[in-house]
């Protein structure tokens, strides 16, 4: 059992750092699609192959890691510290939970977004998603993408800018806007 677990960990690490030979194109993380211009991606990989628990994309002076584990991990750790009735982690309550954190600019928001006290969290609404993003300490960026229908979150972590977040293929709230 321990040998099998060790082997899985080693394989996951190897896949996370195998450079991709593709320099551009369309990348998929579960149901999320990214359109990335030619030459921007210099490496990357996936970990825990099915169902793509993490996707790493790397370029010159930037990298992004997409996964869906940080929200639950942070939510559970906060629930242990706070009154469990104060913090709900069910999928259907995630948008309301994040909206509340942003409105209150609470300590919990700092935990979720890796932000300093004076950082601002940006909220952008799209047809099917809500994107929250914040510049964290040491030029690290953190974003959380929430599907409106299911409440499912995708955490985006790394060293990147708003320019890189525009690669997410998100349908505008108003179809006539660019």
C-alpha atoms as a PDB file:
ATOM      1  CA  UNK A   1       0.000   0.000   0.000  1.00  0.00           C
ATOM      2  CA  UNK A   2       2.784   2.442   0.922  1.00  0.00           C
ATOM      3  CA  UNK A   3       4.762   1.491  -2.203  1.00  0.00           C
ATOM      4  CA  UNK A   4       1.714   2.140  -4.411  1.00  0.00           C
ATOM      5  CA  UNK A   5       1.141   5.536  -2.770  1.00  0.00           C
ATOM      6  CA  UNK A   6       4.823   6.459  -3.167  1.00  0.00           C
ATOM      7  CA  UNK A   7       4.714   5.442  -6.834  1.00  0.00           C
ATOM      8  CA  UNK A   8       1.602   7.564  -7.432  1.00  0.00           C
ATOM      9  CA  UNK A   9       3.283  10.569  -5.794  1.00  0.00           C
ATOM     10  CA  UNK A  10       6.428  10.143  -7.904  1.00  0.00           C
ATOM     11  CA  UNK A  11       4.362   9.839 -11.116  1.00  0.00           C
ATOM     12  CA  UNK A  12       2.341  12.939 -10.178  1.00  0.00           C
ATOM     13  CA  UNK A  13       5.527  14.937  -9.581  1.00  0.00           C
ATOM     14  CA  UNK A  14       7.038  13.776 -12.873  1.00  0.00           C
ATOM     15  CA  UNK A  15       3.939  14.729 -14.847  1.00  0.00           C
ATOM     16  CA  UNK A  16       3.824  18.126 -13.153  1.00  0.00           C
ATOM     17  CA  UNK A  17       7.270  18.981 -14.489  1.00  0.00           C
ATOM     18  CA  UNK A  18       7.356  17.322 -17.917  1.00  0.00           C
ATOM     19  CA  UNK A  19       7.673  20.174 -20.426  1.00  0.00           C
ATOM     20  CA  UNK A  20       4.983  20.331 -23.039  1.00  0.00           C
ATOM     21  CA  UNK A  21       6.247  20.450 -26.611  1.00  0.00           C
ATOM     22  CA  UNK A  22       3.274  22.499 -27.735  1.00  0.00           C
ATOM     23  CA  UNK A  23       3.938  26.244 -27.829  1.00  0.00           C
ATOM     24  CA  UNK A  24       0.371  27.449 -28.161  1.00  0.00           C
ATOM     25  CA  UNK A  25      -3.243  26.553 -28.507  1.00  0.00           C
ATOM     26  CA  UNK A  26      -6.163  25.511 -26.459  1.00  0.00           C
ATOM     27  CA  UNK A  27      -5.729  24.000 -23.013  1.00  0.00           C
ATOM     28  CA  UNK A  28      -8.469  22.353 -20.979  1.00  0.00           C
ATOM     29  CA  UNK A  29      -8.812  21.986 -17.234  1.00  0.00           C
ATOM     30  CA  UNK A  30     -11.844  19.773 -16.644  1.00  0.00           C
ATOM     31  CA  UNK A  31     -14.620  21.830 -18.320  1.00  0.00           C
ATOM     32  CA  UNK A  32     -12.634  25.075 -18.368  1.00  0.00           C
ATOM     33  CA  UNK A  33     -10.990  26.125 -21.647  1.00  0.00           C
ATOM     34  CA  UNK A  34      -8.024  28.471 -22.060  1.00  0.00           C
ATOM     35  CA  UNK A  35      -7.023  30.081 -25.374  1.00  0.00           C
ATOM     36  CA  UNK A  36      -3.321  30.902 -25.187  1.00  0.00           C
ATOM     37  CA  UNK A  37      -1.444  32.765 -27.966  1.00  0.00           C
ATOM     38  CA  UNK A  38       1.481  31.217 -29.858  1.00  0.00           C
ATOM     39  CA  UNK A  39       4.777  31.118 -28.006  1.00  0.00           C
ATOM     40  CA  UNK A  40       3.407  32.012 -24.562  1.00  0.00           C
ATOM     41  CA  UNK A  41       3.644  28.525 -23.017  1.00  0.00           C
ATOM     42  CA  UNK A  42       7.149  27.135 -22.583  1.00  0.00           C
ATOM     43  CA  UNK A  43       6.331  24.229 -20.284  1.00  0.00           C
ATOM     44  CA  UNK A  44       3.858  22.691 -17.931  1.00  0.00           C
ATOM     45  CA  UNK A  45       2.168  19.470 -17.063  1.00  0.00           C
ATOM     46  CA  UNK A  46      -0.658  17.729 -15.283  1.00  0.00           C
ATOM     47  CA  UNK A  47      -0.736  15.903 -11.984  1.00  0.00           C
ATOM     48  CA  UNK A  48      -2.969  12.997 -10.930  1.00  0.00           C
ATOM     49  CA  UNK A  49      -3.978  12.356 -14.531  1.00  0.00           C
ATOM     50  CA  UNK A  50      -7.688  11.475 -14.234  1.00  0.00           C
ATOM     51  CA  UNK A  51      -9.541  13.760 -13.622  1.00  0.00           C
ATOM     52  CA  UNK A  52      -6.759  16.382 -13.987  1.00  0.00           C
ATOM     53  CA  UNK A  53      -6.499  17.463 -10.373  1.00  0.00           C
ATOM     54  CA  UNK A  54      -3.945  20.128 -11.329  1.00  0.00           C
ATOM     55  CA  UNK A  55      -2.856  21.819 -14.528  1.00  0.00           C
ATOM     56  CA  UNK A  56       0.445  23.740 -14.591  1.00  0.00           C
ATOM     57  CA  UNK A  57       1.192  26.181 -17.397  1.00  0.00           C
ATOM     58  CA  UNK A  58       4.513  28.010 -17.487  1.00  0.00           C
ATOM     59  CA  UNK A  59       5.878  30.796 -19.690  1.00  0.00           C
ATOM     60  CA  UNK A  60       8.507  33.501 -19.547  1.00  0.00           C
ATOM     61  CA  UNK A  61       8.165  35.286 -16.180  1.00  0.00           C
ATOM     62  CA  UNK A  62       4.782  33.693 -15.386  1.00  0.00           C
ATOM     63  CA  UNK A  63       3.133  30.447 -14.353  1.00  0.00           C
ATOM     64  CA  UNK A  64      -0.380  29.351 -13.452  1.00  0.00           C
ATOM     65  CA  UNK A  65      -1.623  26.339 -11.507  1.00  0.00           C
ATOM     66  CA  UNK A  66      -5.300  25.481 -11.860  1.00  0.00           C
ATOM     67  CA  UNK A  67      -6.844  23.120  -9.310  1.00  0.00           C
ATOM     68  CA  UNK A  68      -9.954  22.698  -7.187  1.00  0.00           C
ATOM     69  CA  UNK A  69      -8.540  21.702  -3.811  1.00  0.00           C
ATOM     70  CA  UNK A  70      -7.533  24.954  -2.118  1.00  0.00           C
ATOM     71  CA  UNK A  71     -11.075  26.233  -1.553  1.00  0.00           C
ATOM     72  CA  UNK A  72     -12.143  23.161   0.420  1.00  0.00           C
ATOM     73  CA  UNK A  73      -8.835  22.988   2.292  1.00  0.00           C
ATOM     74  CA  UNK A  74      -9.075  26.634   3.338  1.00  0.00           C
ATOM     75  CA  UNK A  75     -12.766  26.360   4.105  1.00  0.00           C
ATOM     76  CA  UNK A  76     -12.248  23.336   6.343  1.00  0.00           C
ATOM     77  CA  UNK A  77      -9.296  24.901   8.166  1.00  0.00           C
ATOM     78  CA  UNK A  78     -11.309  28.073   8.815  1.00  0.00           C
ATOM     79  CA  UNK A  79     -14.296  26.010   9.959  1.00  0.00           C
ATOM     80  CA  UNK A  80     -12.115  24.397  12.608  1.00  0.00           C
ATOM     81  CA  UNK A  81     -11.032  27.817  13.918  1.00  0.00           C
ATOM     82  CA  UNK A  82     -14.408  29.550  13.682  1.00  0.00           C
ATOM     83  CA  UNK A  83     -17.891  28.606  14.780  1.00  0.00           C
ATOM     84  CA  UNK A  84     -18.937  25.992  12.186  1.00  0.00           C
ATOM     85  CA  UNK A  85     -22.308  27.713  11.760  1.00  0.00           C
ATOM     86  CA  UNK A  86     -20.513  30.894  10.646  1.00  0.00           C
ATOM     87  CA  UNK A  87     -18.784  29.329   7.659  1.00  0.00           C
ATOM     88  CA  UNK A  88     -20.548  27.064   5.168  1.00  0.00           C
ATOM     89  CA  UNK A  89     -18.487  25.129   2.636  1.00  0.00           C
ATOM     90  CA  UNK A  90     -21.214  23.487   0.583  1.00  0.00           C
ATOM     91  CA  UNK A  91     -20.881  24.016  -3.181  1.00  0.00           C
ATOM     92  CA  UNK A  92     -24.189  25.858  -3.447  1.00  0.00           C
ATOM     93  CA  UNK A  93     -23.040  28.498  -0.931  1.00  0.00           C
ATOM     94  CA  UNK A  94     -19.601  29.245  -2.371  1.00  0.00           C
ATOM     95  CA  UNK A  95     -20.562  32.336  -4.382  1.00  0.00           C
ATOM     96  CA  UNK A  96     -22.409  33.890  -1.439  1.00  0.00           C
ATOM     97  CA  UNK A  97     -19.516  32.965   0.850  1.00  0.00           C
ATOM     98  CA  UNK A  98     -16.914  34.623  -1.384  1.00  0.00           C
ATOM     99  CA  UNK A  99     -19.129  37.687  -1.948  1.00  0.00           C
ATOM    100  CA  UNK A 100     -19.465  38.066   1.818  1.00  0.00           C
ATOM    101  CA  UNK A 101     -15.701  37.808   2.323  1.00  0.00           C
ATOM    102  CA  UNK A 102     -15.074  40.485  -0.286  1.00  0.00           C
ATOM    103  CA  UNK A 103     -17.715  42.831   1.134  1.00  0.00           C
ATOM    104  CA  UNK A 104     -16.359  42.486   4.649  1.00  0.00           C
ATOM    105  CA  UNK A 105     -12.673  42.386   3.615  1.00  0.00           C
ATOM    106  CA  UNK A 106     -12.254  39.843   6.389  1.00  0.00           C
ATOM    107  CA  UNK A 107      -9.334  37.779   7.639  1.00  0.00           C
ATOM    108  CA  UNK A 108     -11.005  34.830   5.912  1.00  0.00           C
ATOM    109  CA  UNK A 109     -10.618  36.673   2.574  1.00  0.00           C
ATOM    110  CA  UNK A 110      -6.888  36.912   3.227  1.00  0.00           C
ATOM    111  CA  UNK A 111      -6.753  33.154   3.776  1.00  0.00           C
ATOM    112  CA  UNK A 112      -8.594  32.395   0.521  1.00  0.00           C
ATOM    113  CA  UNK A 113      -6.808  34.935  -1.659  1.00  0.00           C
ATOM    114  CA  UNK A 114      -3.353  35.123  -0.048  1.00  0.00           C
ATOM    115  CA  UNK A 115      -3.803  38.879   0.196  1.00  0.00           C
ATOM    116  CA  UNK A 116      -2.338  41.601   2.367  1.00  0.00           C
ATOM    117  CA  UNK A 117      -4.585  43.978   4.308  1.00  0.00           C
ATOM    118  CA  UNK A 118      -4.374  46.735   1.679  1.00  0.00           C
ATOM    119  CA  UNK A 119      -4.923  44.515  -1.405  1.00  0.00           C
ATOM    120  CA  UNK A 120      -8.228  44.760  -3.239  1.00  0.00           C
ATOM    121  CA  UNK A 121     -10.103  41.736  -4.535  1.00  0.00           C
ATOM    122  CA  UNK A 122     -11.582  42.245  -7.991  1.00  0.00           C
ATOM    123  CA  UNK A 123     -14.929  40.603  -8.783  1.00  0.00           C
ATOM    124  CA  UNK A 124     -15.870  40.073 -12.442  1.00  0.00           C
ATOM    125  CA  UNK A 125     -19.193  38.540 -13.403  1.00  0.00           C
ATOM    126  CA  UNK A 126     -19.647  36.511 -16.579  1.00  0.00           C
ATOM    127  CA  UNK A 127     -22.629  34.616 -17.974  1.00  0.00           C
ATOM    128  CA  UNK A 128     -21.768  31.276 -16.339  1.00  0.00           C
ATOM    129  CA  UNK A 129     -18.939  32.195 -13.940  1.00  0.00           C
ATOM    130  CA  UNK A 130     -17.800  34.719 -11.364  1.00  0.00           C
ATOM    131  CA  UNK A 131     -14.061  35.437 -11.244  1.00  0.00           C
ATOM    132  CA  UNK A 132     -12.450  36.774  -8.066  1.00  0.00           C
ATOM    133  CA  UNK A 133      -8.806  37.841  -8.238  1.00  0.00           C
ATOM    134  CA  UNK A 134      -6.266  39.552  -6.007  1.00  0.00           C
ATOM    135  CA  UNK A 135      -2.606  40.447  -6.178  1.00  0.00           C
ATOM    136  CA  UNK A 136      -1.056  38.705  -3.214  1.00  0.00           C
ATOM    137  CA  UNK A 137       2.255  39.174  -1.428  1.00  0.00           C
ATOM    138  CA  UNK A 138       5.544  38.816  -3.355  1.00  0.00           C
ATOM    139  CA  UNK A 139       3.810  39.441  -6.713  1.00  0.00           C
ATOM    140  CA  UNK A 140       1.879  36.157  -6.394  1.00  0.00           C
ATOM    141  CA  UNK A 141      -1.564  36.256  -7.886  1.00  0.00           C
ATOM    142  CA  UNK A 142      -4.528  34.235  -6.731  1.00  0.00           C
ATOM    143  CA  UNK A 143      -7.892  33.898  -8.440  1.00  0.00           C
ATOM    144  CA  UNK A 144     -10.966  31.814  -7.750  1.00  0.00           C
ATOM    145  CA  UNK A 145     -13.394  31.019 -10.562  1.00  0.00           C
ATOM    146  CA  UNK A 146     -16.887  29.952  -9.464  1.00  0.00           C
ATOM    147  CA  UNK A 147     -19.442  28.277 -11.718  1.00  0.00           C
ATOM    148  CA  UNK A 148     -22.778  30.005 -11.048  1.00  0.00           C
ATOM    149  CA  UNK A 149     -24.935  26.939 -11.652  1.00  0.00           C
ATOM    150  CA  UNK A 150     -23.054  24.401  -9.515  1.00  0.00           C
ATOM    151  CA  UNK A 151     -20.964  26.552  -7.165  1.00  0.00           C
ATOM    152  CA  UNK A 152     -17.877  24.538  -8.194  1.00  0.00           C
ATOM    153  CA  UNK A 153     -14.639  26.458  -7.736  1.00  0.00           C
ATOM    154  CA  UNK A 154     -11.398  26.430  -9.687  1.00  0.00           C
ATOM    155  CA  UNK A 155      -8.420  27.949  -7.894  1.00  0.00           C
ATOM    156  CA  UNK A 156      -5.804  29.681 -10.041  1.00  0.00           C
ATOM    157  CA  UNK A 157      -2.514  30.313  -8.282  1.00  0.00           C
ATOM    158  CA  UNK A 158       0.941  31.402  -9.377  1.00  0.00           C
ATOM    159  CA  UNK A 159       2.763  34.420 -10.767  1.00  0.00           C
ATOM    160  CA  UNK A 160       0.552  35.949 -13.448  1.00  0.00           C
ATOM    161  CA  UNK A 161      -1.371  39.106 -14.344  1.00  0.00           C
ATOM    162  CA  UNK A 162      -4.832  40.078 -15.562  1.00  0.00           C
ATOM    163  CA  UNK A 163      -3.490  39.613 -19.104  1.00  0.00           C
ATOM    164  CA  UNK A 164      -3.115  35.894 -18.422  1.00  0.00           C
ATOM    165  CA  UNK A 165      -6.585  35.607 -16.866  1.00  0.00           C
ATOM    166  CA  UNK A 166      -8.031  36.951 -20.137  1.00  0.00           C
ATOM    167  CA  UNK A 167      -7.007  33.640 -21.706  1.00  0.00           C
ATOM    168  CA  UNK A 168      -9.916  32.008 -19.869  1.00  0.00           C
ATOM    169  CA  UNK A 169     -12.707  31.465 -22.363  1.00  0.00           C
ATOM    170  CA  UNK A 170     -15.509  33.025 -20.318  1.00  0.00           C
ATOM    171  CA  UNK A 171     -18.791  34.117 -21.920  1.00  0.00           C
ATOM    172  CA  UNK A 172     -19.505  37.806 -21.220  1.00  0.00           C
ATOM    173  CA  UNK A 173     -22.539  38.689 -19.102  1.00  0.00           C
ATOM    174  CA  UNK A 174     -23.722  40.952 -21.934  1.00  0.00           C
ATOM    175  CA  UNK A 175     -23.134  39.091 -25.234  1.00  0.00           C
ATOM    176  CA  UNK A 176     -22.626  42.346 -27.164  1.00  0.00           C
ATOM    177  CA  UNK A 177     -19.617  43.349 -25.017  1.00  0.00           C
ATOM    178  CA  UNK A 178     -16.103  42.225 -26.090  1.00  0.00           C
END
